[in-house]
C-alpha atoms as a PDB file:
ATOM      1  CA  UNK A   1       0.000   0.000   0.000  1.00  0.00           C
ATOM      2  CA  UNK A   2       1.196   3.503  -0.872  1.00  0.00           C
ATOM      3  CA  UNK A   3       0.161   7.086  -0.093  1.00  0.00           C
ATOM      4  CA  UNK A   4       0.797   8.919  -3.359  1.00  0.00           C
ATOM      5  CA  UNK A   5       3.509  11.072  -1.772  1.00  0.00           C
ATOM      6  CA  UNK A   6       6.433  10.773  -4.184  1.00  0.00           C
ATOM      7  CA  UNK A   7       9.780  10.260  -2.450  1.00  0.00           C
ATOM      8  CA  UNK A   8      12.056  10.871  -5.423  1.00  0.00           C
ATOM      9  CA  UNK A   9      12.232  10.719  -9.193  1.00  0.00           C
ATOM     10  CA  UNK A  10      14.370   8.151 -10.943  1.00  0.00           C
ATOM     11  CA  UNK A  11      15.582   7.727 -14.500  1.00  0.00           C
ATOM     12  CA  UNK A  12      14.997   4.798 -16.793  1.00  0.00           C
ATOM     13  CA  UNK A  13      18.360   3.195 -17.528  1.00  0.00           C
ATOM     14  CA  UNK A  14      16.991   0.490 -19.800  1.00  0.00           C
ATOM     15  CA  UNK A  15      13.801  -1.277 -20.817  1.00  0.00           C
ATOM     16  CA  UNK A  16      14.174  -4.667 -22.424  1.00  0.00           C
ATOM     17  CA  UNK A  17      11.334  -6.565 -24.118  1.00  0.00           C
ATOM     18  CA  UNK A  18      10.812 -10.076 -22.767  1.00  0.00           C
ATOM     19  CA  UNK A  19       8.086 -11.778 -24.749  1.00  0.00           C
ATOM     20  CA  UNK A  20       4.928  -9.765 -24.128  1.00  0.00           C
ATOM     21  CA  UNK A  21       6.406  -8.291 -20.968  1.00  0.00           C
ATOM     22  CA  UNK A  22       9.563  -6.339 -20.227  1.00  0.00           C
ATOM     23  CA  UNK A  23      12.396  -5.820 -17.756  1.00  0.00           C
ATOM     24  CA  UNK A  24      12.904  -2.287 -16.550  1.00  0.00           C
ATOM     25  CA  UNK A  25      15.972  -0.851 -14.822  1.00  0.00           C
ATOM     26  CA  UNK A  26      15.613   2.374 -12.849  1.00  0.00           C
ATOM     27  CA  UNK A  27      18.426   4.561 -11.563  1.00  0.00           C
ATOM     28  CA  UNK A  28      17.633   6.078  -8.158  1.00  0.00           C
ATOM     29  CA  UNK A  29      18.920   6.514  -4.601  1.00  0.00           C
ATOM     30  CA  UNK A  30      16.482   7.166  -1.742  1.00  0.00           C
ATOM     31  CA  UNK A  31      14.053   4.285  -2.329  1.00  0.00           C
ATOM     32  CA  UNK A  32      16.991   1.845  -2.271  1.00  0.00           C
ATOM     33  CA  UNK A  33      18.035   2.765   1.275  1.00  0.00           C
ATOM     34  CA  UNK A  34      16.104  -0.126   2.842  1.00  0.00           C
ATOM     35  CA  UNK A  35      15.176  -2.115  -0.264  1.00  0.00           C
ATOM     36  CA  UNK A  36      15.835  -5.808  -0.724  1.00  0.00           C
ATOM     37  CA  UNK A  37      15.090  -8.320  -3.447  1.00  0.00           C
ATOM     38  CA  UNK A  38      11.322  -8.697  -3.502  1.00  0.00           C
ATOM     39  CA  UNK A  39      10.560  -5.235  -2.107  1.00  0.00           C
ATOM     40  CA  UNK A  40       7.653  -3.345  -3.633  1.00  0.00           C
ATOM     41  CA  UNK A  41       8.372   0.022  -5.239  1.00  0.00           C
ATOM     42  CA  UNK A  42       5.752   2.126  -7.013  1.00  0.00           C
ATOM     43  CA  UNK A  43       6.992   3.347 -10.401  1.00  0.00           C
ATOM     44  CA  UNK A  44       4.677   6.016 -11.815  1.00  0.00           C
ATOM     45  CA  UNK A  45       2.090   4.651  -9.418  1.00  0.00           C
ATOM     46  CA  UNK A  46       2.484   1.056 -10.570  1.00  0.00           C
ATOM     47  CA  UNK A  47       3.508  -1.420  -7.864  1.00  0.00           C
ATOM     48  CA  UNK A  48       6.538  -3.375  -9.098  1.00  0.00           C
ATOM     49  CA  UNK A  49       8.844  -5.902  -7.426  1.00  0.00           C
ATOM     50  CA  UNK A  50      12.471  -4.803  -7.015  1.00  0.00           C
ATOM     51  CA  UNK A  51      14.996  -7.289  -8.439  1.00  0.00           C
ATOM     52  CA  UNK A  52      18.740  -7.354  -9.135  1.00  0.00           C
ATOM     53  CA  UNK A  53      19.514  -4.476  -6.781  1.00  0.00           C
ATOM     54  CA  UNK A  54      22.751  -2.643  -7.476  1.00  0.00           C
ATOM     55  CA  UNK A  55      24.302   0.510  -6.110  1.00  0.00           C
ATOM     56  CA  UNK A  56      22.118   3.251  -7.543  1.00  0.00           C
ATOM     57  CA  UNK A  57      19.586   1.124  -9.434  1.00  0.00           C
ATOM     58  CA  UNK A  58      17.097  -1.727  -9.363  1.00  0.00           C
ATOM     59  CA  UNK A  59      15.379  -3.856 -11.977  1.00  0.00           C
ATOM     60  CA  UNK A  60      11.730  -4.932 -12.189  1.00  0.00           C
ATOM     61  CA  UNK A  61       9.879  -7.357 -14.416  1.00  0.00           C
ATOM     62  CA  UNK A  62       6.777  -5.862 -16.018  1.00  0.00           C
ATOM     63  CA  UNK A  63       3.882  -8.215 -16.792  1.00  0.00           C
ATOM     64  CA  UNK A  64       1.920  -8.036 -20.086  1.00  0.00           C
ATOM     65  CA  UNK A  65      -1.159  -6.771 -18.184  1.00  0.00           C
ATOM     66  CA  UNK A  66       0.922  -3.902 -16.774  1.00  0.00           C
ATOM     67  CA  UNK A  67       2.238  -3.056 -20.249  1.00  0.00           C
ATOM     68  CA  UNK A  68      -1.329  -2.964 -21.554  1.00  0.00           C
ATOM     69  CA  UNK A  69      -2.898  -0.935 -18.769  1.00  0.00           C
ATOM     70  CA  UNK A  70      -0.163   1.592 -17.881  1.00  0.00           C
ATOM     71  CA  UNK A  71       2.372   3.916 -19.491  1.00  0.00           C
ATOM     72  CA  UNK A  72       5.299   1.722 -18.381  1.00  0.00           C
ATOM     73  CA  UNK A  73       5.668   0.177 -21.838  1.00  0.00           C
ATOM     74  CA  UNK A  74       6.061   3.620 -23.391  1.00  0.00           C
ATOM     75  CA  UNK A  75       9.050   4.531 -21.208  1.00  0.00           C
ATOM     76  CA  UNK A  76      12.393   5.128 -22.881  1.00  0.00           C
ATOM     77  CA  UNK A  77      15.952   5.303 -21.496  1.00  0.00           C
ATOM     78  CA  UNK A  78      16.458   8.674 -19.836  1.00  0.00           C
ATOM     79  CA  UNK A  79      12.771   9.063 -19.007  1.00  0.00           C
ATOM     80  CA  UNK A  80      11.860  10.395 -15.562  1.00  0.00           C
ATOM     81  CA  UNK A  81       9.613   8.302 -13.298  1.00  0.00           C
ATOM     82  CA  UNK A  82       8.003   8.881  -9.909  1.00  0.00           C
ATOM     83  CA  UNK A  83       9.091   6.518  -7.115  1.00  0.00           C
ATOM     84  CA  UNK A  84       7.591   5.652  -3.745  1.00  0.00           C
ATOM     85  CA  UNK A  85       8.215   2.915  -1.200  1.00  0.00           C
ATOM     86  CA  UNK A  86       5.259   1.177   0.491  1.00  0.00           C
ATOM     87  CA  UNK A  87       3.654   2.713   3.551  1.00  0.00           C
ATOM     88  CA  UNK A  88       5.065   1.431   6.824  1.00  0.00           C
ATOM     89  CA  UNK A  89       2.677   0.868   9.796  1.00  0.00           C
ATOM     90  CA  UNK A  90       4.101   3.765  11.807  1.00  0.00           C
ATOM     91  CA  UNK A  91       3.995   6.303   8.946  1.00  0.00           C
ATOM     92  CA  UNK A  92       1.497   9.139   8.603  1.00  0.00           C
ATOM     93  CA  UNK A  93      -0.929   8.778   5.704  1.00  0.00           C
ATOM     94  CA  UNK A  94      -0.215  12.171   4.141  1.00  0.00           C
ATOM     95  CA  UNK A  95      -1.867  11.454   0.791  1.00  0.00           C
ATOM     96  CA  UNK A  96      -4.623   8.856   0.359  1.00  0.00           C
ATOM     97  CA  UNK A  97      -4.768   5.057   0.098  1.00  0.00           C
ATOM     98  CA  UNK A  98      -3.030   4.094  -3.154  1.00  0.00           C
ATOM     99  CA  UNK A  99      -2.729   0.400  -3.981  1.00  0.00           C
ATOM    100  CA  UNK A 100      -0.332   0.697  -6.895  1.00  0.00           C
ATOM    101  CA  UNK A 101      -2.918  -1.038  -9.099  1.00  0.00           C
ATOM    102  CA  UNK A 102      -3.348   1.271 -12.078  1.00  0.00           C
ATOM    103  CA  UNK A 103      -6.896   1.362 -13.493  1.00  0.00           C
ATOM    104  CA  UNK A 104      -5.958   2.833 -16.860  1.00  0.00           C
ATOM    105  CA  UNK A 105      -4.270   5.756 -18.555  1.00  0.00           C
ATOM    106  CA  UNK A 106      -5.438   9.259 -19.342  1.00  0.00           C
ATOM    107  CA  UNK A 107      -4.087  11.749 -21.858  1.00  0.00           C
ATOM    108  CA  UNK A 108      -2.556  15.008 -20.670  1.00  0.00           C
ATOM    109  CA  UNK A 109      -4.423  17.816 -22.427  1.00  0.00           C
ATOM    110  CA  UNK A 110      -2.680  20.820 -20.932  1.00  0.00           C
ATOM    111  CA  UNK A 111      -0.413  22.006 -18.131  1.00  0.00           C
ATOM    112  CA  UNK A 112      -0.803  25.747 -17.705  1.00  0.00           C
ATOM    113  CA  UNK A 113       0.919  28.045 -15.263  1.00  0.00           C
ATOM    114  CA  UNK A 114      -1.185  29.798 -12.628  1.00  0.00           C
ATOM    115  CA  UNK A 115       1.728  31.926 -11.467  1.00  0.00           C
ATOM    116  CA  UNK A 116       3.943  31.692  -8.394  1.00  0.00           C
ATOM    117  CA  UNK A 117       5.020  28.164  -9.343  1.00  0.00           C
ATOM    118  CA  UNK A 118       1.484  26.733  -9.366  1.00  0.00           C
ATOM    119  CA  UNK A 119       0.026  24.848 -12.339  1.00  0.00           C
ATOM    120  CA  UNK A 120      -3.362  23.734 -13.681  1.00  0.00           C
ATOM    121  CA  UNK A 121      -3.257  20.185 -15.069  1.00  0.00           C
ATOM    122  CA  UNK A 122      -6.014  18.854 -17.347  1.00  0.00           C
ATOM    123  CA  UNK A 123      -6.257  15.139 -18.178  1.00  0.00           C
ATOM    124  CA  UNK A 124      -8.784  13.431 -20.444  1.00  0.00           C
ATOM    125  CA  UNK A 125      -9.915  10.281 -18.670  1.00  0.00           C
ATOM    126  CA  UNK A 126     -11.264   7.015 -20.115  1.00  0.00           C
ATOM    127  CA  UNK A 127     -15.059   6.834 -20.106  1.00  0.00           C
ATOM    128  CA  UNK A 128     -15.051   3.712 -17.931  1.00  0.00           C
ATOM    129  CA  UNK A 129     -13.220   5.559 -15.117  1.00  0.00           C
ATOM    130  CA  UNK A 130     -15.305   8.736 -15.182  1.00  0.00           C
ATOM    131  CA  UNK A 131     -17.899   7.372 -12.729  1.00  0.00           C
ATOM    132  CA  UNK A 132     -15.268   7.034 -10.001  1.00  0.00           C
ATOM    133  CA  UNK A 133     -14.122  10.648 -10.229  1.00  0.00           C
ATOM    134  CA  UNK A 134     -15.835  13.393  -8.247  1.00  0.00           C
ATOM    135  CA  UNK A 135     -15.158  17.029  -7.394  1.00  0.00           C
ATOM    136  CA  UNK A 136     -12.748  17.177  -4.428  1.00  0.00           C
ATOM    137  CA  UNK A 137     -12.225  13.410  -4.604  1.00  0.00           C
ATOM    138  CA  UNK A 138      -8.811  11.747  -4.607  1.00  0.00           C
ATOM    139  CA  UNK A 139      -6.948  10.514  -7.693  1.00  0.00           C
ATOM    140  CA  UNK A 140      -3.438   9.164  -8.230  1.00  0.00           C
ATOM    141  CA  UNK A 141      -1.822  10.481 -11.424  1.00  0.00           C
ATOM    142  CA  UNK A 142       1.461   8.701 -12.198  1.00  0.00           C
ATOM    143  CA  UNK A 143       1.408   7.736  -8.531  1.00  0.00           C
ATOM    144  CA  UNK A 144       0.922  11.292  -7.226  1.00  0.00           C
ATOM    145  CA  UNK A 145      -1.913  11.788  -4.741  1.00  0.00           C
ATOM    146  CA  UNK A 146      -3.967  14.724  -6.023  1.00  0.00           C
ATOM    147  CA  UNK A 147      -7.369  16.296  -5.414  1.00  0.00           C
ATOM    148  CA  UNK A 148      -9.807  16.727  -8.298  1.00  0.00           C
ATOM    149  CA  UNK A 149     -10.550  20.423  -8.738  1.00  0.00           C
ATOM    150  CA  UNK A 150     -12.962  20.123 -11.678  1.00  0.00           C
ATOM    151  CA  UNK A 151     -14.662  17.529 -13.877  1.00  0.00           C
ATOM    152  CA  UNK A 152     -16.128  18.611 -17.200  1.00  0.00           C
ATOM    153  CA  UNK A 153     -16.816  16.697 -20.395  1.00  0.00           C
ATOM    154  CA  UNK A 154     -14.545  13.769 -19.552  1.00  0.00           C
ATOM    155  CA  UNK A 155     -11.669  16.063 -18.606  1.00  0.00           C
ATOM    156  CA  UNK A 156     -10.332  16.104 -15.047  1.00  0.00           C
ATOM    157  CA  UNK A 157      -8.459  19.122 -13.695  1.00  0.00           C
ATOM    158  CA  UNK A 158      -6.147  19.309 -10.693  1.00  0.00           C
ATOM    159  CA  UNK A 159      -3.978  22.031  -9.199  1.00  0.00           C
ATOM    160  CA  UNK A 160      -0.246  21.343  -8.943  1.00  0.00           C
ATOM    161  CA  UNK A 161       1.653  23.163  -6.202  1.00  0.00           C
ATOM    162  CA  UNK A 162       5.329  24.152  -6.622  1.00  0.00           C
ATOM    163  CA  UNK A 163       6.609  21.303  -4.421  1.00  0.00           C
ATOM    164  CA  UNK A 164       4.774  18.678  -6.478  1.00  0.00           C
ATOM    165  CA  UNK A 165       5.777  20.212  -9.800  1.00  0.00           C
ATOM    166  CA  UNK A 166       9.446  20.350  -8.810  1.00  0.00           C
ATOM    167  CA  UNK A 167       9.624  16.981  -7.066  1.00  0.00           C
ATOM    168  CA  UNK A 168       7.856  14.724  -9.565  1.00  0.00           C
ATOM    169  CA  UNK A 169       7.974  13.946 -13.278  1.00  0.00           C
ATOM    170  CA  UNK A 170       5.150  16.388 -14.052  1.00  0.00           C
ATOM    171  CA  UNK A 171       7.723  19.001 -15.088  1.00  0.00           C
ATOM    172  CA  UNK A 172       8.714  16.694 -17.978  1.00  0.00           C
ATOM    173  CA  UNK A 173       5.182  16.102 -19.278  1.00  0.00           C
ATOM    174  CA  UNK A 174       3.785  17.480 -22.526  1.00  0.00           C
ATOM    175  CA  UNK A 175       0.281  17.513 -24.075  1.00  0.00           C
ATOM    176  CA  UNK A 176      -0.494  14.099 -25.532  1.00  0.00           C
ATOM    177  CA  UNK A 177       1.525  12.163 -22.953  1.00  0.00           C
ATOM    178  CA  UNK A 178      -0.198   9.213 -21.290  1.00  0.00           C
ATOM    179  CA  UNK A 179      -0.410   9.241 -17.497  1.00  0.00           C
ATOM    180  CA  UNK A 180      -1.322   6.395 -15.165  1.00  0.00           C
ATOM    181  CA  UNK A 181      -4.581   6.763 -13.242  1.00  0.00           C
ATOM    182  CA  UNK A 182      -5.639   4.952 -10.087  1.00  0.00           C
ATOM    183  CA  UNK A 183      -9.094   5.831  -8.798  1.00  0.00           C
ATOM    184  CA  UNK A 184      -9.990   5.891  -5.124  1.00  0.00           C
ATOM    185  CA  UNK A 185     -10.495   2.249  -4.064  1.00  0.00           C
ATOM    186  CA  UNK A 186     -13.350   3.306  -1.755  1.00  0.00           C
ATOM    187  CA  UNK A 187     -15.373   4.511  -4.754  1.00  0.00           C
ATOM    188  CA  UNK A 188     -15.000   1.114  -6.426  1.00  0.00           C
ATOM    189  CA  UNK A 189     -16.158  -0.759  -3.320  1.00  0.00           C
ATOM    190  CA  UNK A 190     -19.176   1.532  -2.902  1.00  0.00           C
ATOM    191  CA  UNK A 191     -20.155   0.985  -6.536  1.00  0.00           C
ATOM    192  CA  UNK A 192     -20.059  -2.799  -6.145  1.00  0.00           C
ATOM    193  CA  UNK A 193     -22.090  -2.715  -2.936  1.00  0.00           C
ATOM    194  CA  UNK A 194     -24.731  -0.427  -4.431  1.00  0.00           C
ATOM    195  CA  UNK A 195     -25.009  -2.550  -7.573  1.00  0.00           C
ATOM    196  CA  UNK A 196     -26.242  -5.448  -5.417  1.00  0.00           C
ATOM    197  CA  UNK A 197     -29.031  -3.495  -3.781  1.00  0.00           C
ATOM    198  CA  UNK A 198     -32.417  -4.699  -5.049  1.00  0.00           C
ATOM    199  CA  UNK A 199     -35.329  -2.268  -4.882  1.00  0.00           C
ATOM    200  CA  UNK A 200     -39.079  -2.972  -5.081  1.00  0.00           C
ATOM    201  CA  UNK A 201     -40.103  -4.426  -8.427  1.00  0.00           C
ATOM    202  CA  UNK A 202     -36.645  -5.890  -9.058  1.00  0.00           C
ATOM    203  CA  UNK A 203     -35.156  -2.459  -9.832  1.00  0.00           C
ATOM    204  CA  UNK A 204     -31.402  -2.173  -9.163  1.00  0.00           C
ATOM    205  CA  UNK A 205     -28.922   0.698  -9.155  1.00  0.00           C
ATOM    206  CA  UNK A 206     -27.454  -0.712 -12.370  1.00  0.00           C
ATOM    207  CA  UNK A 207     -30.879  -0.729 -14.073  1.00  0.00           C
ATOM    208  CA  UNK A 208     -31.475   2.850 -12.962  1.00  0.00           C
ATOM    209  CA  UNK A 209     -28.116   3.798 -14.476  1.00  0.00           C
ATOM    210  CA  UNK A 210     -29.031   2.086 -17.761  1.00  0.00           C
ATOM    211  CA  UNK A 211     -32.214   4.172 -17.873  1.00  0.00           C
ATOM    212  CA  UNK A 212     -30.257   7.386 -17.476  1.00  0.00           C
ATOM    213  CA  UNK A 213     -30.759   8.066 -13.760  1.00  0.00           C
END
């Protein structure tokens, strides 16, 4: 489990195709301080298993499902990635509960300055994820815990403060780039519970949704 508070950025040293999957090597420092073979490290919000640890880098095998659902497969040597170690029991939960299980990718539409080092980020989200996103709700974008500031026409907007802009890979992003999205797990559980509620006459929440309610 993670919090969406990025500890450092790393650089892709190599990405090697292995069948339908890949092996990734990331150059970094801080997240290796207590890492061991088998440790979990979130890379752009995607929980990966650290392997072949060396001074200043670690490798991770990337499954075909991860390649399909995230932006990991699009990484190139020299690319900047966000890194976070798992939450320890005694740590403060400064962000929100992030599982490292990416739901899909969105497309960065714009990143505009608001002045004083603040930025307004707009991301077009997949239609199937839109129902989990609400004004002032939590979202992880490339592993960064952020608060949704606006939702309009399938486009999600968030405010980026100077610390986040300077300490993550957002300062390398350009319009058209794919970003990993993980929706709030609580929203997904609520949806499943509500879908099983049966109302008089056999009406369900899902049937109401199909009828446009």
